Full PDB file with SEQRES, HELIX, SHEET, SSBOND, CRYST1, ORIGX, SCALE, CONECT and MASTER records, all heavy atoms in Angstrom:
SEQRES   1 A   32  GLY ASN ALA ALA GLU ASN MET ASN VAL LEU ARG GLN ILE          
SEQRES   2 A   32  GLY LEU ASN LEU LEU LYS GLN GLU LYS SER CYS LYS MET          
SEQRES   3 A   32  GLY MET ALA ASN LYS ARG                                      
HELIX    1 AA1 ALA A    3  GLN A   20  1                                  18    
HELIX    2 AA2 MET A   28  LYS A   31  1                                   4    
CRYST1    1.000    1.000    1.000  90.00  90.00  90.00 P 1           1          
ORIGX1      1.000000  0.000000  0.000000        0.00000                         
ORIGX2      0.000000  1.000000  0.000000        0.00000                         
ORIGX3      0.000000  0.000000  1.000000        0.00000                         
SCALE1      1.000000  0.000000  0.000000        0.00000                         
SCALE2      0.000000  1.000000  0.000000        0.00000                         
SCALE3      0.000000  0.000000  1.000000        0.00000                         
ATOM      1  N   GLY A   1       0.805  -1.210   0.000  1.00  0.00           N  
ATOM      2  CA  GLY A   1       0.000   0.000   0.000  1.00  0.00           C  
ATOM      3  C   GLY A   1       0.841   1.264   0.000  1.00  0.00           C  
ATOM      4  O   GLY A   1       1.835   1.379  -0.719  1.00  0.00           O  
ATOM      5  N   ASN A   2       0.435   2.202   0.833  1.00  0.00           N  
ATOM      6  CA  ASN A   2       1.128   3.491   0.930  1.00  0.00           C  
ATOM      7  C   ASN A   2       2.080   3.554   2.114  1.00  0.00           C  
ATOM      8  O   ASN A   2       2.545   4.640   2.470  1.00  0.00           O  
ATOM      9  CB  ASN A   2       0.097   4.625   1.057  1.00  0.00           C  
ATOM     10  CG  ASN A   2      -0.831   4.714  -0.140  1.00  0.00           C  
ATOM     11  OD1 ASN A   2      -0.398   4.588  -1.281  1.00  0.00           O  
ATOM     12  ND2 ASN A   2      -2.114   4.901   0.115  1.00  0.00           N  
ATOM     13  N   ALA A   3       2.376   2.399   2.718  1.00  0.00           N  
ATOM     14  CA  ALA A   3       3.160   2.385   3.958  1.00  0.00           C  
ATOM     15  C   ALA A   3       4.543   3.008   3.780  1.00  0.00           C  
ATOM     16  O   ALA A   3       4.992   3.784   4.628  1.00  0.00           O  
ATOM     17  CB  ALA A   3       3.289   0.954   4.487  1.00  0.00           C  
ATOM     18  N   ALA A   4       5.237   2.666   2.697  1.00  0.00           N  
ATOM     19  CA  ALA A   4       6.604   3.170   2.505  1.00  0.00           C  
ATOM     20  C   ALA A   4       6.622   4.689   2.375  1.00  0.00           C  
ATOM     21  O   ALA A   4       7.440   5.371   2.994  1.00  0.00           O  
ATOM     22  CB  ALA A   4       7.239   2.521   1.272  1.00  0.00           C  
ATOM     23  N   GLU A   5       5.679   5.229   1.591  1.00  0.00           N  
ATOM     24  CA  GLU A   5       5.647   6.673   1.379  1.00  0.00           C  
ATOM     25  C   GLU A   5       5.258   7.413   2.656  1.00  0.00           C  
ATOM     26  O   GLU A   5       5.832   8.451   2.992  1.00  0.00           O  
ATOM     27  CB  GLU A   5       4.666   6.998   0.253  1.00  0.00           C  
ATOM     28  CG  GLU A   5       4.745   8.423  -0.233  1.00  0.00           C  
ATOM     29  CD  GLU A   5       3.855   8.673  -1.430  1.00  0.00           C  
ATOM     30  OE1 GLU A   5       3.234   7.715  -1.937  1.00  0.00           O  
ATOM     31  OE2 GLU A   5       3.775   9.831  -1.852  1.00  0.00           O  
ATOM     32  N   ASN A   6       4.279   6.861   3.387  1.00  0.00           N  
ATOM     33  CA  ASN A   6       3.849   7.518   4.618  1.00  0.00           C  
ATOM     34  C   ASN A   6       4.896   7.411   5.721  1.00  0.00           C  
ATOM     35  O   ASN A   6       5.061   8.343   6.514  1.00  0.00           O  
ATOM     36  CB  ASN A   6       2.520   6.930   5.088  1.00  0.00           C  
ATOM     37  CG  ASN A   6       1.350   7.387   4.227  1.00  0.00           C  
ATOM     38  OD1 ASN A   6       1.335   8.520   3.748  1.00  0.00           O  
ATOM     39  ND2 ASN A   6       0.379   6.521   4.025  1.00  0.00           N  
ATOM     40  N   MET A   7       5.618   6.296   5.765  1.00  0.00           N  
ATOM     41  CA  MET A   7       6.707   6.185   6.736  1.00  0.00           C  
ATOM     42  C   MET A   7       7.811   7.189   6.424  1.00  0.00           C  
ATOM     43  O   MET A   7       8.455   7.727   7.326  1.00  0.00           O  
ATOM     44  CB  MET A   7       7.262   4.756   6.749  1.00  0.00           C  
ATOM     45  CG  MET A   7       8.458   4.553   7.693  1.00  0.00           C  
ATOM     46  SD  MET A   7       8.185   5.076   9.405  1.00  0.00           S  
ATOM     47  CE  MET A   7       7.358   3.635  10.068  1.00  0.00           C  
ATOM     48  N   ASN A   8       8.019   7.467   5.143  1.00  0.00           N  
ATOM     49  CA  ASN A   8       9.007   8.472   4.773  1.00  0.00           C  
ATOM     50  C   ASN A   8       8.630   9.841   5.349  1.00  0.00           C  
ATOM     51  O   ASN A   8       9.485  10.594   5.820  1.00  0.00           O  
ATOM     52  CB  ASN A   8       9.132   8.552   3.249  1.00  0.00           C  
ATOM     53  CG  ASN A   8      10.141   9.580   2.790  1.00  0.00           C  
ATOM     54  OD1 ASN A   8       9.794  10.723   2.520  1.00  0.00           O  
ATOM     55  ND2 ASN A   8      11.391   9.189   2.689  1.00  0.00           N  
ATOM     56  N   VAL A   9       7.337  10.163   5.345  1.00  0.00           N  
ATOM     57  CA  VAL A   9       6.884  11.424   5.948  1.00  0.00           C  
ATOM     58  C   VAL A   9       7.136  11.407   7.452  1.00  0.00           C  
ATOM     59  O   VAL A   9       7.586  12.402   8.030  1.00  0.00           O  
ATOM     60  CB  VAL A   9       5.388  11.669   5.646  1.00  0.00           C  
ATOM     61  CG1 VAL A   9       4.906  12.925   6.371  1.00  0.00           C  
ATOM     62  CG2 VAL A   9       5.157  11.822   4.150  1.00  0.00           C  
ATOM     63  N   LEU A  10       6.866  10.273   8.110  1.00  0.00           N  
ATOM     64  CA  LEU A  10       7.146  10.164   9.548  1.00  0.00           C  
ATOM     65  C   LEU A  10       8.618  10.424   9.842  1.00  0.00           C  
ATOM     66  O   LEU A  10       8.957  11.129  10.804  1.00  0.00           O  
ATOM     67  CB  LEU A  10       6.771   8.766  10.052  1.00  0.00           C  
ATOM     68  CG  LEU A  10       5.290   8.436  10.221  1.00  0.00           C  
ATOM     69  CD1 LEU A  10       5.129   6.978  10.622  1.00  0.00           C  
ATOM     70  CD2 LEU A  10       4.649   9.339  11.264  1.00  0.00           C  
ATOM     71  N   ARG A  11       9.496   9.859   9.016  1.00  0.00           N  
ATOM     72  CA  ARG A  11      10.935  10.065   9.232  1.00  0.00           C  
ATOM     73  C   ARG A  11      11.303  11.540   9.073  1.00  0.00           C  
ATOM     74  O   ARG A  11      12.132  12.063   9.814  1.00  0.00           O  
ATOM     75  CB  ARG A  11      11.744   9.216   8.248  1.00  0.00           C  
ATOM     76  CG  ARG A  11      11.599   7.707   8.448  1.00  0.00           C  
ATOM     77  CD  ARG A  11      12.547   6.950   7.524  1.00  0.00           C  
ATOM     78  NE  ARG A  11      12.260   5.532   7.524  1.00  0.00           N  
ATOM     79  CZ  ARG A  11      11.645   4.876   6.526  1.00  0.00           C  
ATOM     80  NH1 ARG A  11      11.284   5.536   5.433  1.00  0.00           N  
ATOM     81  NH2 ARG A  11      11.418   3.592   6.622  1.00  0.00           N  
ATOM     82  N   GLN A  12      10.700  12.206   8.098  1.00  0.00           N  
ATOM     83  CA  GLN A  12      11.029  13.616   7.877  1.00  0.00           C  
ATOM     84  C   GLN A  12      10.478  14.504   8.997  1.00  0.00           C  
ATOM     85  O   GLN A  12      11.091  15.520   9.345  1.00  0.00           O  
ATOM     86  CB  GLN A  12      10.512  14.067   6.511  1.00  0.00           C  
ATOM     87  CG  GLN A  12      11.247  13.340   5.378  1.00  0.00           C  
ATOM     88  CD  GLN A  12      11.042  13.986   4.031  1.00  0.00           C  
ATOM     89  OE1 GLN A  12      11.243  15.177   3.866  1.00  0.00           O  
ATOM     90  NE2 GLN A  12      10.644  13.185   3.046  1.00  0.00           N  
ATOM     91  N   ILE A  13       9.338  14.117   9.580  1.00  0.00           N  
ATOM     92  CA  ILE A  13       8.856  14.824  10.768  1.00  0.00           C  
ATOM     93  C   ILE A  13       9.887  14.690  11.885  1.00  0.00           C  
ATOM     94  O   ILE A  13      10.267  15.671  12.539  1.00  0.00           O  
ATOM     95  CB  ILE A  13       7.489  14.271  11.229  1.00  0.00           C  
ATOM     96  CG1 ILE A  13       6.406  14.594  10.206  1.00  0.00           C  
ATOM     97  CG2 ILE A  13       7.107  14.838  12.601  1.00  0.00           C  
ATOM     98  CD1 ILE A  13       5.079  13.896  10.466  1.00  0.00           C  
ATOM     99  N   GLY A  14      10.345  13.445  12.111  1.00  0.00           N  
ATOM    100  CA  GLY A  14      11.359  13.214  13.139  1.00  0.00           C  
ATOM    101  C   GLY A  14      12.644  13.966  12.865  1.00  0.00           C  
ATOM    102  O   GLY A  14      13.234  14.581  13.771  1.00  0.00           O  
ATOM    103  N   LEU A  15      13.088  13.955  11.605  1.00  0.00           N  
ATOM    104  CA  LEU A  15      14.317  14.659  11.243  1.00  0.00           C  
ATOM    105  C   LEU A  15      14.189  16.158  11.503  1.00  0.00           C  
ATOM    106  O   LEU A  15      15.088  16.785  12.069  1.00  0.00           O  
ATOM    107  CB  LEU A  15      14.636  14.387   9.768  1.00  0.00           C  
ATOM    108  CG  LEU A  15      15.918  15.010   9.210  1.00  0.00           C  
ATOM    109  CD1 LEU A  15      16.561  14.084   8.187  1.00  0.00           C  
ATOM    110  CD2 LEU A  15      15.639  16.359   8.547  1.00  0.00           C  
ATOM    111  N   ASN A  16      13.056  16.755  11.115  1.00  0.00           N  
ATOM    112  CA  ASN A  16      12.879  18.187  11.321  1.00  0.00           C  
ATOM    113  C   ASN A  16      12.869  18.556  12.798  1.00  0.00           C  
ATOM    114  O   ASN A  16      13.458  19.561  13.203  1.00  0.00           O  
ATOM    115  CB  ASN A  16      11.575  18.655  10.660  1.00  0.00           C  
ATOM    116  CG  ASN A  16      11.714  18.860   9.160  1.00  0.00           C  
ATOM    117  OD1 ASN A  16      12.798  18.738   8.609  1.00  0.00           O  
ATOM    118  ND2 ASN A  16      10.617  19.154   8.491  1.00  0.00           N  
ATOM    119  N   LEU A  17      12.206  17.749  13.607  1.00  0.00           N  
ATOM    120  CA  LEU A  17      12.181  18.016  15.045  1.00  0.00           C  
ATOM    121  C   LEU A  17      13.583  17.927  15.642  1.00  0.00           C  
ATOM    122  O   LEU A  17      14.001  18.785  16.424  1.00  0.00           O  
ATOM    123  CB  LEU A  17      11.249  17.029  15.744  1.00  0.00           C  
ATOM    124  CG  LEU A  17       9.750  17.287  15.577  1.00  0.00           C  
ATOM    125  CD1 LEU A  17       8.947  16.095  16.082  1.00  0.00           C  
ATOM    126  CD2 LEU A  17       9.327  18.553  16.314  1.00  0.00           C  
ATOM    127  N   LEU A  18      14.313  16.892  15.273  1.00  0.00           N  
ATOM    128  CA  LEU A  18      15.660  16.697  15.827  1.00  0.00           C  
ATOM    129  C   LEU A  18      16.629  17.759  15.328  1.00  0.00           C  
ATOM    130  O   LEU A  18      17.549  18.156  16.046  1.00  0.00           O  
ATOM    131  CB  LEU A  18      16.164  15.289  15.483  1.00  0.00           C  
ATOM    132  CG  LEU A  18      15.443  14.164  16.235  1.00  0.00           C  
ATOM    133  CD1 LEU A  18      15.727  12.818  15.574  1.00  0.00           C  
ATOM    134  CD2 LEU A  18      15.856  14.124  17.698  1.00  0.00           C  
ATOM    135  N   LYS A  19      16.436  18.234  14.092  1.00  0.00           N  
ATOM    136  CA  LYS A  19      17.295  19.293  13.559  1.00  0.00           C  
ATOM    137  C   LYS A  19      17.061  20.618  14.287  1.00  0.00           C  
ATOM    138  O   LYS A  19      17.984  21.417  14.449  1.00  0.00           O  
ATOM    139  CB  LYS A  19      17.040  19.483  12.059  1.00  0.00           C  
ATOM    140  CG  LYS A  19      17.647  18.406  11.172  1.00  0.00           C  
ATOM    141  CD  LYS A  19      19.120  18.652  10.937  1.00  0.00           C  
ATOM    142  CE  LYS A  19      19.680  17.706   9.891  1.00  0.00           C  
ATOM    143  NZ  LYS A  19      21.141  17.919   9.692  1.00  0.00           N  
ATOM    144  N   GLN A  20      15.812  20.853  14.727  1.00  0.00           N  
ATOM    145  CA  GLN A  20      15.506  22.108  15.406  1.00  0.00           C  
ATOM    146  C   GLN A  20      16.085  22.148  16.819  1.00  0.00           C  
ATOM    147  O   GLN A  20      16.312  23.223  17.365  1.00  0.00           O  
ATOM    148  CB  GLN A  20      13.986  22.315  15.457  1.00  0.00           C  
ATOM    149  CG  GLN A  20      13.326  22.484  14.103  1.00  0.00           C  
ATOM    150  CD  GLN A  20      13.957  23.578  13.263  1.00  0.00           C  
ATOM    151  OE1 GLN A  20      13.897  24.744  13.601  1.00  0.00           O  
ATOM    152  NE2 GLN A  20      14.581  23.186  12.159  1.00  0.00           N  
ATOM    153  N   GLU A  21      16.301  20.987  17.432  1.00  0.00           N  
ATOM    154  CA  GLU A  21      16.883  20.929  18.777  1.00  0.00           C  
ATOM    155  C   GLU A  21      18.397  20.897  18.624  1.00  0.00           C  
ATOM    156  O   GLU A  21      18.968  19.918  18.176  1.00  0.00           O  
ATOM    157  CB  GLU A  21      16.387  19.663  19.505  1.00  0.00           C  
ATOM    158  CG  GLU A  21      16.481  19.719  21.011  1.00  0.00           C  
ATOM    159  CD  GLU A  21      17.894  19.942  21.533  1.00  0.00           C  
ATOM    160  OE1 GLU A  21      18.732  19.034  21.379  1.00  0.00           O  
ATOM    161  OE2 GLU A  21      18.162  21.040  22.065  1.00  0.00           O  
ATOM    162  N   LYS A  22      19.069  21.968  19.013  1.00  0.00           N  
ATOM    163  CA  LYS A  22      20.489  22.124  18.691  1.00  0.00           C  
ATOM    164  C   LYS A  22      21.415  22.001  19.898  1.00  0.00           C  
ATOM    165  O   LYS A  22      22.626  22.143  19.753  1.00  0.00           O  
ATOM    166  CB  LYS A  22      20.715  23.479  18.008  1.00  0.00           C  
ATOM    167  CG  LYS A  22      19.889  23.648  16.729  1.00  0.00           C  
ATOM    168  CD  LYS A  22      20.152  24.977  16.068  1.00  0.00           C  
ATOM    169  CE  LYS A  22      19.204  25.223  14.898  1.00  0.00           C  
ATOM    170  NZ  LYS A  22      19.271  24.213  13.851  1.00  0.00           N  
ATOM    171  N   SER A  23      20.882  21.736  21.092  1.00  0.00           N  
ATOM    172  CA  SER A  23      21.755  21.699  22.271  1.00  0.00           C  
ATOM    173  C   SER A  23      22.563  20.417  22.353  1.00  0.00           C  
ATOM    174  O   SER A  23      23.651  20.400  22.932  1.00  0.00           O  
ATOM    175  CB  SER A  23      20.925  21.850  23.552  1.00  0.00           C  
ATOM    176  OG  SER A  23      20.101  20.711  23.762  1.00  0.00           O  
ATOM    177  N   CYS A  24      22.056  19.340  21.793  1.00  0.00           N  
ATOM    178  CA  CYS A  24      22.723  18.036  21.864  1.00  0.00           C  
ATOM    179  C   CYS A  24      23.612  17.842  20.631  1.00  0.00           C  
ATOM    180  O   CYS A  24      23.127  17.803  19.506  1.00  0.00           O  
ATOM    181  CB  CYS A  24      21.683  16.921  21.945  1.00  0.00           C  
ATOM    182  SG  CYS A  24      22.377  15.278  22.054  1.00  0.00           S  
ATOM    183  N   LYS A  25      24.908  17.718  20.852  1.00  0.00           N  
ATOM    184  CA  LYS A  25      25.860  17.603  19.743  1.00  0.00           C  
ATOM    185  C   LYS A  25      26.132  16.131  19.424  1.00  0.00           C  
ATOM    186  O   LYS A  25      27.227  15.611  19.599  1.00  0.00           O  
ATOM    187  CB  LYS A  25      27.171  18.319  20.083  1.00  0.00           C  
ATOM    188  CG  LYS A  25      26.997  19.779  20.499  1.00  0.00           C  
ATOM    189  CD  LYS A  25      26.286  20.599  19.425  1.00  0.00           C  
ATOM    190  CE  LYS A  25      26.128  22.055  19.844  1.00  0.00           C  
ATOM    191  NZ  LYS A  25      25.365  22.839  18.861  1.00  0.00           N  
ATOM    192  N   MET A  26      25.111  15.435  18.974  1.00  0.00           N  
ATOM    193  CA  MET A  26      25.215  14.023  18.596  1.00  0.00           C  
ATOM    194  C   MET A  26      24.757  13.854  17.156  1.00  0.00           C  
ATOM    195  O   MET A  26      24.077  14.714  16.602  1.00  0.00           O  
ATOM    196  CB  MET A  26      24.326  13.150  19.492  1.00  0.00           C  
ATOM    197  CG  MET A  26      24.753  12.991  20.928  1.00  0.00           C  
ATOM    198  SD  MET A  26      23.584  11.889  21.779  1.00  0.00           S  
ATOM    199  CE  MET A  26      24.376  11.725  23.365  1.00  0.00           C  
ATOM    200  N   GLY A  27      25.103  12.706  16.579  1.00  0.00           N  
ATOM    201  CA  GLY A  27      24.564  12.354  15.275  1.00  0.00           C  
ATOM    202  C   GLY A  27      23.090  12.020  15.400  1.00  0.00           C  
ATOM    203  O   GLY A  27      22.560  11.822  16.494  1.00  0.00           O  
ATOM    204  N   MET A  28      22.413  11.931  14.253  1.00  0.00           N  
ATOM    205  CA  MET A  28      20.966  11.722  14.266  1.00  0.00           C  
ATOM    206  C   MET A  28      20.572  10.401  14.921  1.00  0.00           C  
ATOM    207  O   MET A  28      19.609  10.348  15.696  1.00  0.00           O  
ATOM    208  CB  MET A  28      20.440  11.773  12.825  1.00  0.00           C  
ATOM    209  CG  MET A  28      18.936  11.928  12.731  1.00  0.00           C  
ATOM    210  SD  MET A  28      18.287  13.442  13.496  1.00  0.00           S  
ATOM    211  CE  MET A  28      18.991  14.706  12.452  1.00  0.00           C  
ATOM    212  N   ALA A  29      21.297   9.333  14.651  1.00  0.00           N  
ATOM    213  CA  ALA A  29      20.958   8.032  15.239  1.00  0.00           C  
ATOM    214  C   ALA A  29      21.057   8.080  16.760  1.00  0.00           C  
ATOM    215  O   ALA A  29      20.186   7.553  17.472  1.00  0.00           O  
ATOM    216  CB  ALA A  29      21.868   6.944  14.677  1.00  0.00           C  
ATOM    217  N   ASN A  30      22.088   8.734  17.292  1.00  0.00           N  
ATOM    218  CA  ASN A  30      22.250   8.828  18.744  1.00  0.00           C  
ATOM    219  C   ASN A  30      21.235   9.772  19.374  1.00  0.00           C  
ATOM    220  O   ASN A  30      20.808   9.567  20.515  1.00  0.00           O  
ATOM    221  CB  ASN A  30      23.672   9.268  19.094  1.00  0.00           C  
ATOM    222  CG  ASN A  30      24.678   8.146  18.923  1.00  0.00           C  
ATOM    223  OD1 ASN A  30      24.355   6.977  19.149  1.00  0.00           O  
ATOM    224  ND2 ASN A  30      25.878   8.478  18.509  1.00  0.00           N  
ATOM    225  N   LYS A  31      20.846  10.811  18.646  1.00  0.00           N  
ATOM    226  CA  LYS A  31      19.785  11.683  19.146  1.00  0.00           C  
ATOM    227  C   LYS A  31      18.481  10.906  19.300  1.00  0.00           C  
ATOM    228  O   LYS A  31      17.725  11.100  20.268  1.00  0.00           O  
ATOM    229  CB  LYS A  31      19.579  12.862  18.190  1.00  0.00           C  
ATOM    230  CG  LYS A  31      20.552  14.017  18.371  1.00  0.00           C  
ATOM    231  CD  LYS A  31      20.200  15.144  17.396  1.00  0.00           C  
ATOM    232  CE  LYS A  31      20.426  16.494  18.033  1.00  0.00           C  
ATOM    233  NZ  LYS A  31      19.995  17.594  17.156  1.00  0.00           N  
ATOM    234  N   ARG A  32      18.197  10.040  18.352  1.00  0.00           N  
ATOM    235  CA  ARG A  32      16.987   9.219  18.437  1.00  0.00           C  
ATOM    236  C   ARG A  32      17.056   8.289  19.644  1.00  0.00           C  
ATOM    237  O   ARG A  32      16.055   8.137  20.377  1.00  0.00           O  
ATOM    238  CB  ARG A  32      16.807   8.397  17.157  1.00  0.00           C  
ATOM    239  CG  ARG A  32      16.520   9.216  15.916  1.00  0.00           C  
ATOM    240  CD  ARG A  32      16.381   8.314  14.700  1.00  0.00           C  
ATOM    241  NE  ARG A  32      15.137   7.568  14.731  1.00  0.00           N  
ATOM    242  CZ  ARG A  32      14.927   6.451  14.036  1.00  0.00           C  
ATOM    243  NH1 ARG A  32      15.893   5.929  13.289  1.00  0.00           N  
ATOM    244  NH2 ARG A  32      13.767   5.828  14.105  1.00  0.00           N  
TER     245      ARG A  32                                                      
MASTER        0    0    0    2    0    0    0    6  244    1    0    3          
END                                                                             
């Protein structure tokens, strides 16, 4: 179905939120 495309949107929501938080100097995987 549309699972792959919709999961991609979920990841980009997560990426945008984590990019906006700048106090933690870690890579994206460790921030998660």
